Amino acid sequence: MKYAQFLRKVQENGSFVGGEEAEAVVVSVLMALAEVLPGPQLEALSARLPPEAVVYLRRTGSEPDPLFDSHLFLGWVVSALDATGNRDKTAGGLDLTAAYSGEEAIRRAQCVFSVLKKQIGPNHQRELAACLPEEVNGWFLNA
C-alpha cells in the first residue's frame, strides 16, 4: 500500500477533515509504537508499511522503554490533538478537556490501529498486541 492510500484510509476511518490531521495521528501513533515494541516486532511491522511511514518507527533508545505505559502512549497521540480549553476552576475537580482529549486520543489511535491491522496477519497482530501496554493492547485488539 502506498503512503497516500494509508493516510486516506486513516482519514476515512477517523472522519478527519484533512490529510494533515490524519498524518499527524499516524505519526504520533507510529512514534509511540516505536517506543514500546521489541526489535523483531518493529522490523516485521516496518516490512508491511510504506517507506514514508517506516521513518516514524525509529526508536530513540536501543530497547523498548519499560516505563512507557498507556498514559504515555496516549500523551503522544494527544500531542497532535487540538485540545484548547479553559483552566479547571473546580479546585481539584475533573478536567473536562483532559477527559475529552483522552477519549478522542483513544479513538484516533484505533483509527490507525485498524489500518495497521489490515496490513499484517492475525499471528503478527497477536504478537504485536502482546508487546503493547495493557490498555493499549485492548485498544489495538478492538480496533
N, C-alpha and C. Protein backbone atom coordinates (compact mmCIF):
# COMPACT_ATOMS: atom_id res chain seq x y z
N MET A 1 0.85 -1.18 0.00
CA MET A 1 0.00 0.00 0.00
C MET A 1 0.89 1.24 0.00
N LYS A 2 0.53 2.20 -0.79
CA LYS A 2 1.26 3.47 -0.85
C LYS A 2 0.89 4.33 0.35
N TYR A 3 1.81 5.23 0.70
CA TYR A 3 1.62 6.08 1.87
C TYR A 3 0.35 6.92 1.76
N ALA A 4 0.09 7.48 0.58
CA ALA A 4 -1.11 8.30 0.39
C ALA A 4 -2.38 7.48 0.64
N GLN A 5 -2.38 6.22 0.20
CA GLN A 5 -3.53 5.34 0.44
C GLN A 5 -3.68 5.06 1.94
N PHE A 6 -2.56 4.81 2.59
CA PHE A 6 -2.56 4.54 4.03
C PHE A 6 -3.18 5.73 4.78
N LEU A 7 -2.72 6.93 4.45
CA LEU A 7 -3.25 8.14 5.10
C LEU A 7 -4.73 8.33 4.79
N ARG A 8 -5.11 8.06 3.55
CA ARG A 8 -6.52 8.23 3.16
C ARG A 8 -7.41 7.28 3.96
N LYS A 9 -6.96 6.05 4.16
CA LYS A 9 -7.76 5.09 4.94
C LYS A 9 -7.89 5.54 6.39
N VAL A 10 -6.81 6.06 6.97
CA VAL A 10 -6.89 6.58 8.34
C VAL A 10 -7.83 7.78 8.37
N GLN A 11 -7.72 8.65 7.38
CA GLN A 11 -8.59 9.83 7.31
C GLN A 11 -10.06 9.41 7.22
N GLU A 12 -10.35 8.41 6.41
CA GLU A 12 -11.73 7.93 6.28
C GLU A 12 -12.21 7.29 7.58
N ASN A 13 -11.37 6.47 8.20
CA ASN A 13 -11.75 5.82 9.47
C ASN A 13 -12.08 6.84 10.55
N GLY A 14 -11.28 7.90 10.59
CA GLY A 14 -11.45 8.89 11.65
C GLY A 14 -12.32 10.06 11.29
N SER A 15 -12.80 10.11 10.06
CA SER A 15 -13.57 11.26 9.57
C SER A 15 -12.82 12.56 9.81
N PHE A 16 -11.50 12.51 9.57
CA PHE A 16 -10.69 13.70 9.75
C PHE A 16 -10.92 14.66 8.59
N VAL A 17 -10.83 15.94 8.89
CA VAL A 17 -11.12 16.97 7.90
C VAL A 17 -10.12 16.94 6.75
N GLY A 18 -8.85 16.77 7.07
CA GLY A 18 -7.84 16.81 6.01
C GLY A 18 -6.75 15.78 6.21
N GLY A 19 -5.92 15.67 5.19
CA GLY A 19 -4.82 14.73 5.23
C GLY A 19 -3.77 15.07 6.27
N GLU A 20 -3.60 16.36 6.55
CA GLU A 20 -2.61 16.77 7.56
C GLU A 20 -2.99 16.24 8.93
N GLU A 21 -4.25 16.29 9.26
CA GLU A 21 -4.72 15.80 10.56
C GLU A 21 -4.51 14.28 10.65
N ALA A 22 -4.84 13.58 9.58
CA ALA A 22 -4.64 12.12 9.56
C ALA A 22 -3.16 11.79 9.68
N GLU A 23 -2.32 12.53 8.98
CA GLU A 23 -0.89 12.25 9.04
C GLU A 23 -0.33 12.51 10.43
N ALA A 24 -0.80 13.55 11.10
CA ALA A 24 -0.34 13.84 12.46
C ALA A 24 -0.68 12.69 13.40
N VAL A 25 -1.86 12.11 13.23
CA VAL A 25 -2.27 10.97 14.06
C VAL A 25 -1.39 9.76 13.75
N VAL A 26 -1.17 9.48 12.48
CA VAL A 26 -0.34 8.34 12.08
C VAL A 26 1.06 8.49 12.67
N VAL A 27 1.64 9.67 12.52
CA VAL A 27 3.00 9.92 13.02
C VAL A 27 3.07 9.69 14.52
N SER A 28 2.13 10.25 15.27
CA SER A 28 2.19 10.11 16.73
C SER A 28 2.00 8.66 17.17
N VAL A 29 1.11 7.93 16.54
CA VAL A 29 0.89 6.52 16.91
C VAL A 29 2.11 5.68 16.55
N LEU A 30 2.66 5.87 15.37
CA LEU A 30 3.84 5.09 14.98
C LEU A 30 5.04 5.40 15.88
N MET A 31 5.22 6.66 16.25
CA MET A 31 6.33 7.02 17.14
C MET A 31 6.14 6.41 18.52
N ALA A 32 4.91 6.36 18.99
CA ALA A 32 4.63 5.72 20.28
C ALA A 32 4.88 4.22 20.19
N LEU A 33 4.46 3.59 19.10
CA LEU A 33 4.71 2.16 18.90
C LEU A 33 6.20 1.86 18.90
N ALA A 34 6.99 2.75 18.31
CA ALA A 34 8.44 2.55 18.25
C ALA A 34 9.05 2.49 19.64
N GLU A 35 8.45 3.16 20.60
CA GLU A 35 8.99 3.17 21.96
C GLU A 35 8.65 1.93 22.76
N VAL A 36 7.64 1.17 22.34
CA VAL A 36 7.21 0.01 23.14
C VAL A 36 7.46 -1.34 22.49
N LEU A 37 7.63 -1.38 21.19
CA LEU A 37 7.77 -2.68 20.51
C LEU A 37 9.22 -3.15 20.49
N PRO A 38 9.44 -4.43 20.75
CA PRO A 38 10.79 -5.00 20.62
C PRO A 38 11.23 -4.99 19.15
N GLY A 39 12.53 -5.10 18.94
CA GLY A 39 13.11 -5.06 17.61
C GLY A 39 12.46 -5.96 16.58
N PRO A 40 12.25 -7.25 16.89
CA PRO A 40 11.64 -8.13 15.88
C PRO A 40 10.24 -7.68 15.44
N GLN A 41 9.44 -7.21 16.38
CA GLN A 41 8.09 -6.74 16.02
C GLN A 41 8.16 -5.44 15.22
N LEU A 42 9.11 -4.57 15.58
CA LEU A 42 9.29 -3.33 14.81
C LEU A 42 9.69 -3.64 13.37
N GLU A 43 10.62 -4.57 13.22
CA GLU A 43 11.09 -4.94 11.88
C GLU A 43 9.96 -5.57 11.06
N ALA A 44 9.19 -6.44 11.68
CA ALA A 44 8.08 -7.09 10.96
C ALA A 44 7.03 -6.06 10.55
N LEU A 45 6.73 -5.11 11.44
CA LEU A 45 5.76 -4.07 11.12
C LEU A 45 6.31 -3.16 10.01
N SER A 46 7.58 -2.81 10.12
CA SER A 46 8.21 -1.95 9.11
C SER A 46 8.14 -2.56 7.72
N ALA A 47 8.27 -3.87 7.65
CA ALA A 47 8.25 -4.56 6.36
C ALA A 47 6.88 -4.48 5.69
N ARG A 48 5.84 -4.20 6.45
CA ARG A 48 4.47 -4.17 5.91
C ARG A 48 3.96 -2.75 5.66
N LEU A 49 4.76 -1.74 6.00
CA LEU A 49 4.31 -0.35 5.87
C LEU A 49 5.02 0.35 4.72
N PRO A 50 4.42 1.42 4.20
CA PRO A 50 5.09 2.21 3.17
C PRO A 50 6.39 2.81 3.73
N PRO A 51 7.42 2.97 2.91
CA PRO A 51 8.69 3.52 3.38
C PRO A 51 8.55 4.88 4.08
N GLU A 52 7.61 5.70 3.62
CA GLU A 52 7.42 7.02 4.24
C GLU A 52 6.94 6.91 5.67
N ALA A 53 6.27 5.81 6.01
CA ALA A 53 5.78 5.61 7.38
C ALA A 53 6.84 4.98 8.27
N VAL A 54 7.72 4.19 7.68
CA VAL A 54 8.73 3.46 8.45
C VAL A 54 9.65 4.40 9.21
N VAL A 55 9.90 5.57 8.67
CA VAL A 55 10.79 6.52 9.33
C VAL A 55 10.30 6.85 10.75
N TYR A 56 9.01 6.77 10.99
CA TYR A 56 8.45 7.10 12.31
C TYR A 56 8.54 5.93 13.28
N LEU A 57 8.98 4.79 12.81
CA LEU A 57 9.15 3.63 13.69
C LEU A 57 10.58 3.52 14.22
N ARG A 58 11.34 4.59 14.10
CA ARG A 58 12.70 4.59 14.64
C ARG A 58 12.65 5.00 16.10
N ARG A 59 13.16 4.14 16.95
CA ARG A 59 13.13 4.34 18.40
C ARG A 59 14.24 5.30 18.83
N THR A 60 13.99 6.03 19.92
CA THR A 60 15.01 6.94 20.44
C THR A 60 16.10 6.18 21.19
N GLY A 61 15.76 5.05 21.83
CA GLY A 61 16.75 4.23 22.52
C GLY A 61 16.96 2.92 21.79
N SER A 62 17.84 2.09 22.33
CA SER A 62 18.13 0.83 21.65
C SER A 62 17.13 -0.27 22.01
N GLU A 63 16.45 -0.13 23.13
CA GLU A 63 15.49 -1.13 23.60
C GLU A 63 14.14 -0.46 23.87
N PRO A 64 13.06 -1.25 23.93
CA PRO A 64 11.76 -0.67 24.30
C PRO A 64 11.83 -0.05 25.70
N ASP A 65 11.10 1.00 25.90
CA ASP A 65 11.06 1.68 27.19
C ASP A 65 10.10 0.93 28.11
N PRO A 66 10.61 0.30 29.19
CA PRO A 66 9.74 -0.48 30.07
C PRO A 66 8.75 0.39 30.86
N LEU A 67 9.00 1.68 30.93
CA LEU A 67 8.11 2.58 31.68
C LEU A 67 7.08 3.26 30.78
N PHE A 68 7.08 2.93 29.52
CA PHE A 68 6.16 3.54 28.55
C PHE A 68 4.81 2.85 28.70
N ASP A 69 3.90 3.47 29.44
CA ASP A 69 2.59 2.87 29.72
C ASP A 69 1.51 3.47 28.82
N SER A 70 0.27 3.07 29.07
CA SER A 70 -0.83 3.54 28.22
C SER A 70 -1.03 5.05 28.32
N HIS A 71 -0.77 5.63 29.48
CA HIS A 71 -0.93 7.08 29.63
C HIS A 71 0.09 7.83 28.80
N LEU A 72 1.32 7.35 28.81
CA LEU A 72 2.36 7.98 28.00
C LEU A 72 2.07 7.78 26.51
N PHE A 73 1.58 6.60 26.15
CA PHE A 73 1.20 6.32 24.76
C PHE A 73 0.15 7.34 24.32
N LEU A 74 -0.88 7.52 25.15
CA LEU A 74 -1.94 8.49 24.81
C LEU A 74 -1.39 9.90 24.74
N GLY A 75 -0.42 10.20 25.59
CA GLY A 75 0.19 11.53 25.58
C GLY A 75 0.77 11.87 24.21
N TRP A 76 1.37 10.88 23.57
CA TRP A 76 1.92 11.11 22.24
C TRP A 76 0.79 11.40 21.25
N VAL A 77 -0.31 10.70 21.38
CA VAL A 77 -1.44 10.91 20.46
C VAL A 77 -2.12 12.25 20.76
N VAL A 78 -2.28 12.57 22.04
CA VAL A 78 -2.92 13.83 22.43
C VAL A 78 -2.09 15.02 21.96
N SER A 79 -0.77 14.85 21.88
CA SER A 79 0.08 15.97 21.47
C SER A 79 -0.27 16.46 20.07
N ALA A 80 -0.89 15.61 19.27
CA ALA A 80 -1.31 16.00 17.92
C ALA A 80 -2.76 16.47 17.88
N LEU A 81 -3.38 16.57 19.04
CA LEU A 81 -4.80 16.89 19.13
C LEU A 81 -4.99 18.32 19.61
N ASP A 82 -5.83 19.08 18.93
CA ASP A 82 -6.15 20.44 19.36
C ASP A 82 -7.14 20.35 20.51
N ALA A 83 -6.65 20.57 21.72
CA ALA A 83 -7.50 20.42 22.90
C ALA A 83 -7.41 21.66 23.78
N THR A 84 -7.65 22.81 23.21
CA THR A 84 -7.58 24.04 23.95
C THR A 84 -8.84 24.20 24.80
N GLY A 85 -8.64 24.51 26.06
CA GLY A 85 -9.78 24.69 26.95
C GLY A 85 -9.45 25.68 28.04
N ASN A 86 -10.41 25.96 28.88
CA ASN A 86 -10.19 26.87 29.99
C ASN A 86 -9.58 26.14 31.17
N ARG A 87 -8.97 26.91 32.05
CA ARG A 87 -8.37 26.35 33.25
C ARG A 87 -9.46 25.75 34.13
N ASP A 88 -9.13 24.63 34.77
CA ASP A 88 -10.07 23.97 35.67
C ASP A 88 -10.22 24.81 36.93
N LYS A 89 -11.43 25.28 37.21
CA LYS A 89 -11.67 26.16 38.36
C LYS A 89 -12.41 25.43 39.47
N THR A 90 -12.45 24.12 39.44
CA THR A 90 -13.22 23.38 40.44
C THR A 90 -12.37 22.88 41.59
N ALA A 91 -11.17 23.41 41.74
CA ALA A 91 -10.28 23.05 42.84
C ALA A 91 -10.13 21.54 42.99
N GLY A 92 -9.55 20.95 42.00
CA GLY A 92 -9.29 19.51 42.08
C GLY A 92 -10.34 18.66 41.40
N GLY A 93 -11.30 19.28 40.76
CA GLY A 93 -12.34 18.51 40.07
C GLY A 93 -11.84 17.95 38.76
N LEU A 94 -12.73 17.29 38.07
CA LEU A 94 -12.42 16.67 36.79
C LEU A 94 -12.10 17.73 35.74
N ASP A 95 -11.00 17.56 35.07
CA ASP A 95 -10.63 18.44 33.96
C ASP A 95 -11.33 17.90 32.72
N LEU A 96 -12.44 18.52 32.36
CA LEU A 96 -13.27 18.01 31.26
C LEU A 96 -12.54 18.01 29.93
N THR A 97 -11.66 18.97 29.72
CA THR A 97 -10.90 19.00 28.47
C THR A 97 -9.97 17.80 28.40
N ALA A 98 -9.30 17.47 29.50
CA ALA A 98 -8.39 16.32 29.52
C ALA A 98 -9.15 15.02 29.33
N ALA A 99 -10.32 14.90 29.96
CA ALA A 99 -11.11 13.67 29.82
C ALA A 99 -11.55 13.50 28.37
N TYR A 100 -12.00 14.57 27.75
CA TYR A 100 -12.41 14.50 26.35
C TYR A 100 -11.21 14.16 25.47
N SER A 101 -10.07 14.78 25.75
CA SER A 101 -8.88 14.54 24.94
C SER A 101 -8.46 13.09 25.00
N GLY A 102 -8.56 12.47 26.17
CA GLY A 102 -8.18 11.07 26.31
C GLY A 102 -9.06 10.17 25.47
N GLU A 103 -10.36 10.37 25.54
CA GLU A 103 -11.30 9.57 24.74
C GLU A 103 -11.06 9.77 23.25
N GLU A 104 -10.81 11.00 22.86
CA GLU A 104 -10.56 11.30 21.45
C GLU A 104 -9.23 10.70 21.01
N ALA A 105 -8.23 10.74 21.88
CA ALA A 105 -6.93 10.15 21.54
C ALA A 105 -7.05 8.64 21.34
N ILE A 106 -7.84 7.98 22.18
CA ILE A 106 -8.06 6.53 22.02
C ILE A 106 -8.74 6.26 20.67
N ARG A 107 -9.75 7.05 20.35
CA ARG A 107 -10.46 6.88 19.08
C ARG A 107 -9.50 7.05 17.90
N ARG A 108 -8.66 8.07 17.99
CA ARG A 108 -7.71 8.34 16.91
C ARG A 108 -6.68 7.22 16.78
N ALA A 109 -6.18 6.75 17.90
CA ALA A 109 -5.21 5.64 17.87
C ALA A 109 -5.85 4.42 17.23
N GLN A 110 -7.10 4.16 17.56
CA GLN A 110 -7.78 3.00 16.99
C GLN A 110 -8.00 3.14 15.48
N CYS A 111 -8.14 4.36 14.99
CA CYS A 111 -8.25 4.57 13.54
C CYS A 111 -6.97 4.11 12.85
N VAL A 112 -5.83 4.42 13.45
CA VAL A 112 -4.55 3.99 12.88
C VAL A 112 -4.38 2.49 13.07
N PHE A 113 -4.71 1.99 14.26
CA PHE A 113 -4.59 0.55 14.52
C PHE A 113 -5.40 -0.27 13.52
N SER A 114 -6.59 0.20 13.20
CA SER A 114 -7.45 -0.51 12.26
C SER A 114 -6.78 -0.68 10.90
N VAL A 115 -6.16 0.38 10.42
CA VAL A 115 -5.47 0.31 9.13
C VAL A 115 -4.22 -0.56 9.24
N LEU A 116 -3.49 -0.43 10.35
CA LEU A 116 -2.29 -1.26 10.57
C LEU A 116 -2.65 -2.74 10.57
N LYS A 117 -3.73 -3.08 11.25
CA LYS A 117 -4.11 -4.49 11.37
C LYS A 117 -4.43 -5.11 10.01
N LYS A 118 -4.90 -4.31 9.08
CA LYS A 118 -5.20 -4.83 7.74
C LYS A 118 -3.92 -5.09 6.94
N GLN A 119 -2.80 -4.56 7.42
CA GLN A 119 -1.53 -4.74 6.73
C GLN A 119 -0.77 -5.97 7.23
N ILE A 120 -1.19 -6.52 8.37
CA ILE A 120 -0.46 -7.64 8.97
C ILE A 120 -1.41 -8.80 9.24
N GLY A 121 -0.86 -9.98 9.30
CA GLY A 121 -1.66 -11.18 9.52
C GLY A 121 -2.09 -11.34 10.97
N PRO A 122 -3.03 -12.24 11.24
CA PRO A 122 -3.55 -12.46 12.59
C PRO A 122 -2.47 -12.85 13.61
N ASN A 123 -1.51 -13.69 13.21
CA ASN A 123 -0.44 -14.08 14.14
C ASN A 123 0.41 -12.88 14.53
N HIS A 124 0.75 -12.06 13.54
CA HIS A 124 1.54 -10.86 13.83
C HIS A 124 0.74 -9.87 14.68
N GLN A 125 -0.56 -9.80 14.45
CA GLN A 125 -1.41 -8.92 15.26
C GLN A 125 -1.34 -9.33 16.73
N ARG A 126 -1.43 -10.64 16.98
CA ARG A 126 -1.38 -11.14 18.37
C ARG A 126 -0.02 -10.88 19.00
N GLU A 127 1.05 -11.10 18.23
CA GLU A 127 2.40 -10.85 18.74
C GLU A 127 2.58 -9.37 19.07
N LEU A 128 2.13 -8.53 18.18
CA LEU A 128 2.25 -7.09 18.39
C LEU A 128 1.44 -6.65 19.60
N ALA A 129 0.21 -7.12 19.70
CA ALA A 129 -0.66 -6.75 20.83
C ALA A 129 -0.06 -7.17 22.16
N ALA A 130 0.60 -8.32 22.18
CA ALA A 130 1.19 -8.82 23.43
C ALA A 130 2.33 -7.93 23.92
N CYS A 131 2.91 -7.13 23.05
CA CYS A 131 4.02 -6.25 23.41
C CYS A 131 3.55 -4.86 23.85
N LEU A 132 2.30 -4.57 23.66
CA LEU A 132 1.77 -3.23 23.96
C LEU A 132 1.40 -3.11 25.43
N PRO A 133 1.47 -1.88 25.97
CA PRO A 133 0.98 -1.67 27.34
C PRO A 133 -0.47 -2.16 27.45
N GLU A 134 -0.86 -2.58 28.65
CA GLU A 134 -2.13 -3.29 28.86
C GLU A 134 -3.34 -2.63 28.20
N GLU A 135 -3.59 -1.37 28.49
CA GLU A 135 -4.78 -0.72 27.92
C GLU A 135 -4.64 -0.54 26.41
N VAL A 136 -3.44 -0.23 25.95
CA VAL A 136 -3.20 -0.06 24.52
C VAL A 136 -3.46 -1.37 23.80
N ASN A 137 -3.10 -2.47 24.43
CA ASN A 137 -3.36 -3.80 23.90
C ASN A 137 -4.85 -3.95 23.57
N GLY A 138 -5.71 -3.57 24.50
CA GLY A 138 -7.16 -3.65 24.29
C GLY A 138 -7.63 -2.75 23.17
N TRP A 139 -7.10 -1.54 23.11
CA TRP A 139 -7.50 -0.61 22.04
C TRP A 139 -7.10 -1.17 20.69
N PHE A 140 -5.91 -1.78 20.64
CA PHE A 140 -5.43 -2.37 19.38
C PHE A 140 -6.33 -3.53 18.96
N LEU A 141 -6.59 -4.44 19.89
CA LEU A 141 -7.39 -5.62 19.56
C LEU A 141 -8.82 -5.26 19.17
N ASN A 142 -9.36 -4.20 19.75
CA ASN A 142 -10.73 -3.79 19.46
C ASN A 142 -10.86 -2.84 18.28
N ALA A 143 -9.74 -2.46 17.69
CA ALA A 143 -9.78 -1.51 16.56
C ALA A 143 -10.32 -2.19 15.31
